[in-house]
Amino acid sequence: MDNAMRLSALMIMLPALALAQPAPDQMSPNIASVQSGVVCPPPTVGSSPAPGTLAGSTHLIEEEPPFVSLSNRVPAVLGIGFGTKAMSEAAMGIDTVTMTVTHPPMGATGAVSQSFETRISGLDPTLTFYQFDYDYELVRGIWQMEASKNGTVLYRTTFEVVAPEMVPELATICGFEELLS
């Protein structure tokens, strides 16, 4: 292979390699705190339209669940949730925050990201979580949750979704053993 062909091959491969590497976790000065972990989701009381997601909606809950683990290793189990609790530095909070969840390809279209609007309170930590509701979501690998406002990253957190047997204490923590695949 001559040098021009090697250079062409490298130029084609570089974007693919860049996409394979997750962006580093970060937190902007506009955020007072961010904590991440695994949740056992409470019952939903409705849904909110989220056209940037595969499901087309997000769950509405009345009671915020506590983290059952502060691990960022998440078992690929239906019903399990994982996410962040963030609080704004400003007491008035931050409205119209875009939450983008990136993940390995999933669903019929091979989607690698989903997004929806949220807000971050400045009075209490705001929970934003992703819940495994469908088999097609159980893709293992690196997942990231990124909150941004007008294109500026407020925070980014990385999770690793793994086979249930890699974290057996978490795979059964929410009582969804019958859903293990």
Protein backbone atom coordinates (compact mmCIF):
# COMPACT_ATOMS: atom_id res chain seq x y z
CA MET A 1 0.00 0.00 0.00
CA ASP A 2 1.49 3.36 -0.96
CA ASN A 3 1.61 6.35 1.39
CA ALA A 4 -1.36 8.12 -0.23
CA MET A 5 -3.55 5.03 0.27
CA ARG A 6 -2.36 4.66 3.88
CA LEU A 7 -3.17 8.31 4.54
CA SER A 8 -6.62 7.90 2.98
CA ALA A 9 -7.32 4.80 5.08
CA LEU A 10 -6.18 6.61 8.23
CA MET A 11 -8.37 9.64 7.45
CA ILE A 12 -11.38 7.35 7.07
CA MET A 13 -10.62 5.51 10.33
CA LEU A 14 -9.94 8.59 12.53
CA PRO A 15 -13.58 9.78 12.80
CA ALA A 16 -14.67 6.25 13.72
CA LEU A 17 -11.97 6.04 16.39
CA ALA A 18 -12.93 9.45 17.76
CA LEU A 19 -16.56 8.36 18.11
CA ALA A 20 -15.51 5.21 19.95
CA GLN A 21 -13.79 7.25 22.70
CA PRO A 22 -16.20 8.79 25.21
CA ALA A 23 -15.77 12.44 26.10
CA PRO A 24 -14.31 13.00 29.57
CA ASP A 25 -16.65 13.60 32.50
CA GLN A 26 -16.91 17.25 33.43
CA MET A 27 -18.81 19.78 35.52
CA SER A 28 -19.11 23.50 34.74
CA PRO A 29 -18.90 26.28 37.35
CA ASN A 30 -22.68 26.74 36.87
CA ILE A 31 -23.28 23.40 38.62
CA ALA A 32 -22.97 23.16 42.42
CA SER A 33 -23.00 19.35 42.58
CA VAL A 34 -23.48 16.18 40.54
CA GLN A 35 -23.91 12.69 41.91
CA SER A 36 -24.56 9.58 39.85
CA GLY A 37 -25.77 6.07 40.49
CA VAL A 38 -28.35 3.34 40.07
CA VAL A 39 -32.05 3.71 40.98
CA CYS A 40 -35.01 1.41 41.42
CA PRO A 41 -37.59 3.50 39.58
CA PRO A 42 -40.85 4.28 41.33
CA PRO A 43 -44.22 3.87 39.63
CA THR A 44 -44.84 6.34 36.82
CA VAL A 45 -47.78 8.74 36.99
CA GLY A 46 -47.68 9.70 33.34
CA SER A 47 -45.36 10.62 30.54
CA SER A 48 -44.00 13.72 28.88
CA PRO A 49 -43.40 14.03 25.12
CA ALA A 50 -39.74 13.57 24.22
CA PRO A 51 -39.49 13.43 20.42
CA GLY A 52 -35.69 13.10 20.59
CA THR A 53 -35.96 9.65 22.21
CA LEU A 54 -36.67 6.24 20.67
CA ALA A 55 -39.73 5.78 22.89
CA GLY A 56 -40.99 9.30 22.11
CA SER A 57 -41.67 10.10 25.77
CA THR A 58 -40.13 10.18 29.22
CA HIS A 59 -41.63 8.94 32.51
CA LEU A 60 -43.18 11.31 35.03
CA ILE A 61 -42.82 10.32 38.67
CA GLU A 62 -44.20 11.80 41.90
CA GLU A 63 -41.54 10.61 44.30
CA GLU A 64 -37.84 10.82 43.59
CA PRO A 65 -36.14 7.48 44.29
CA PRO A 66 -32.85 7.36 46.18
CA PHE A 67 -29.74 5.88 44.59
CA VAL A 68 -29.52 2.23 45.62
CA SER A 69 -25.87 2.32 44.55
CA LEU A 70 -23.41 5.07 43.68
CA SER A 71 -21.76 2.76 41.16
CA ASN A 72 -21.51 3.80 37.53
CA ARG A 73 -21.51 0.12 36.50
CA VAL A 74 -25.10 -0.70 35.61
CA PRO A 75 -26.55 -4.18 35.01
CA ALA A 76 -28.39 -4.62 31.70
CA VAL A 77 -31.68 -5.57 33.41
CA LEU A 78 -35.19 -4.48 32.46
CA GLY A 79 -36.61 -2.07 35.04
CA ILE A 80 -33.27 -0.79 36.37
CA GLY A 81 -32.58 2.93 36.13
CA PHE A 82 -29.40 4.99 36.32
CA GLY A 83 -28.72 8.66 36.24
CA THR A 84 -27.64 11.84 37.94
CA LYS A 85 -28.73 14.22 40.69
CA ALA A 86 -27.48 17.70 39.86
CA MET A 87 -27.95 21.09 41.44
CA SER A 88 -27.41 24.51 39.91
CA GLU A 89 -25.05 27.03 41.48
CA ALA A 90 -27.75 29.68 40.95
CA ALA A 91 -30.73 29.44 43.34
CA MET A 92 -33.18 30.12 40.48
CA GLY A 93 -31.94 27.01 38.68
CA ILE A 94 -31.38 26.45 34.97
CA ASP A 95 -34.36 26.04 32.64
CA THR A 96 -34.45 24.49 29.16
CA VAL A 97 -31.53 22.13 29.71
CA THR A 98 -30.93 19.57 26.97
CA MET A 99 -30.10 16.14 28.35
CA THR A 100 -28.35 13.95 25.78
CA VAL A 101 -27.84 10.27 26.45
CA THR A 102 -25.26 8.61 24.19
CA HIS A 103 -24.93 4.85 24.04
CA PRO A 104 -23.96 1.93 21.80
CA PRO A 105 -26.22 1.45 18.75
CA MET A 106 -29.73 0.34 19.68
CA GLY A 107 -33.13 -0.22 18.18
CA ALA A 108 -34.08 -0.81 14.56
CA THR A 109 -32.32 2.38 13.45
CA GLY A 110 -29.10 1.78 15.40
CA ALA A 111 -29.58 5.07 17.29
CA VAL A 112 -26.53 6.16 19.31
CA SER A 113 -28.05 9.12 21.14
CA GLN A 114 -31.33 10.37 22.52
CA SER A 115 -32.21 13.76 23.96
CA PHE A 116 -34.94 15.50 25.90
CA GLU A 117 -35.50 18.76 27.75
CA THR A 118 -35.26 19.09 31.53
CA ARG A 119 -34.37 21.67 34.16
CA ILE A 120 -31.84 21.75 36.97
CA SER A 121 -32.98 23.21 40.29
CA GLY A 122 -30.83 25.47 42.43
CA LEU A 123 -32.68 24.56 45.63
CA ASP A 124 -32.55 20.75 45.62
CA PRO A 125 -30.71 18.18 43.51
CA THR A 126 -32.67 17.33 40.35
CA LEU A 127 -32.83 13.65 39.36
CA THR A 128 -32.56 12.73 35.70
CA PHE A 129 -32.42 9.01 34.96
CA TYR A 130 -32.63 6.50 32.14
CA GLN A 131 -34.69 3.38 32.72
CA PHE A 132 -34.46 0.12 30.79
CA ASP A 133 -38.04 -0.48 29.63
CA TYR A 134 -37.46 -2.49 26.42
CA ASP A 135 -35.21 -5.38 25.43
CA TYR A 136 -33.63 -3.34 22.62
CA GLU A 137 -32.26 -0.89 25.24
CA LEU A 138 -30.16 -3.53 27.01
CA VAL A 139 -27.00 -2.72 25.05
CA ARG A 140 -23.76 -3.13 26.93
CA GLY A 141 -20.96 -0.64 26.76
CA ILE A 142 -20.28 2.99 27.56
CA TRP A 143 -23.25 5.31 28.11
CA GLN A 144 -22.97 9.01 28.84
CA MET A 145 -25.45 11.55 30.18
CA GLU A 146 -24.69 15.14 29.25
CA ALA A 147 -26.62 18.22 30.36
CA SER A 148 -26.14 21.31 28.22
CA LYS A 149 -27.59 24.78 27.82
CA ASN A 150 -27.31 26.57 24.47
CA GLY A 151 -24.51 24.21 23.39
CA THR A 152 -22.44 24.66 26.58
CA VAL A 153 -21.87 21.49 28.62
CA LEU A 154 -23.11 21.83 32.20
CA TYR A 155 -22.02 18.33 33.19
CA ARG A 156 -21.24 14.95 31.67
CA THR A 157 -21.19 11.59 33.47
CA THR A 158 -20.11 8.19 32.16
CA PHE A 159 -21.75 4.84 32.94
CA GLU A 160 -20.82 1.33 31.88
CA VAL A 161 -23.72 -1.02 31.18
CA VAL A 162 -22.57 -4.59 31.81
CA ALA A 163 -23.92 -8.15 31.85
CA PRO A 164 -26.02 -8.77 34.99
CA GLU A 165 -23.63 -11.46 36.23
CA MET A 166 -20.83 -8.86 36.41
CA VAL A 167 -22.70 -6.97 39.16
CA PRO A 168 -25.02 -9.61 40.70
CA GLU A 169 -25.65 -7.47 43.80
CA LEU A 170 -27.17 -4.78 41.54
CA ALA A 171 -28.86 -7.10 39.04
CA THR A 172 -31.34 -8.20 41.71
CA ILE A 173 -31.46 -5.09 43.91
CA CYS A 174 -34.78 -3.81 42.56
CA GLY A 175 -36.58 -7.16 42.62
CA PHE A 176 -36.71 -7.57 38.84
CA GLU A 177 -35.05 -11.02 38.84
CA GLU A 178 -37.81 -12.49 36.69
CA LEU A 179 -36.90 -9.98 33.97
CA LEU A 180 -33.24 -11.07 33.75
CA SER A 181 -32.52 -12.20 30.21
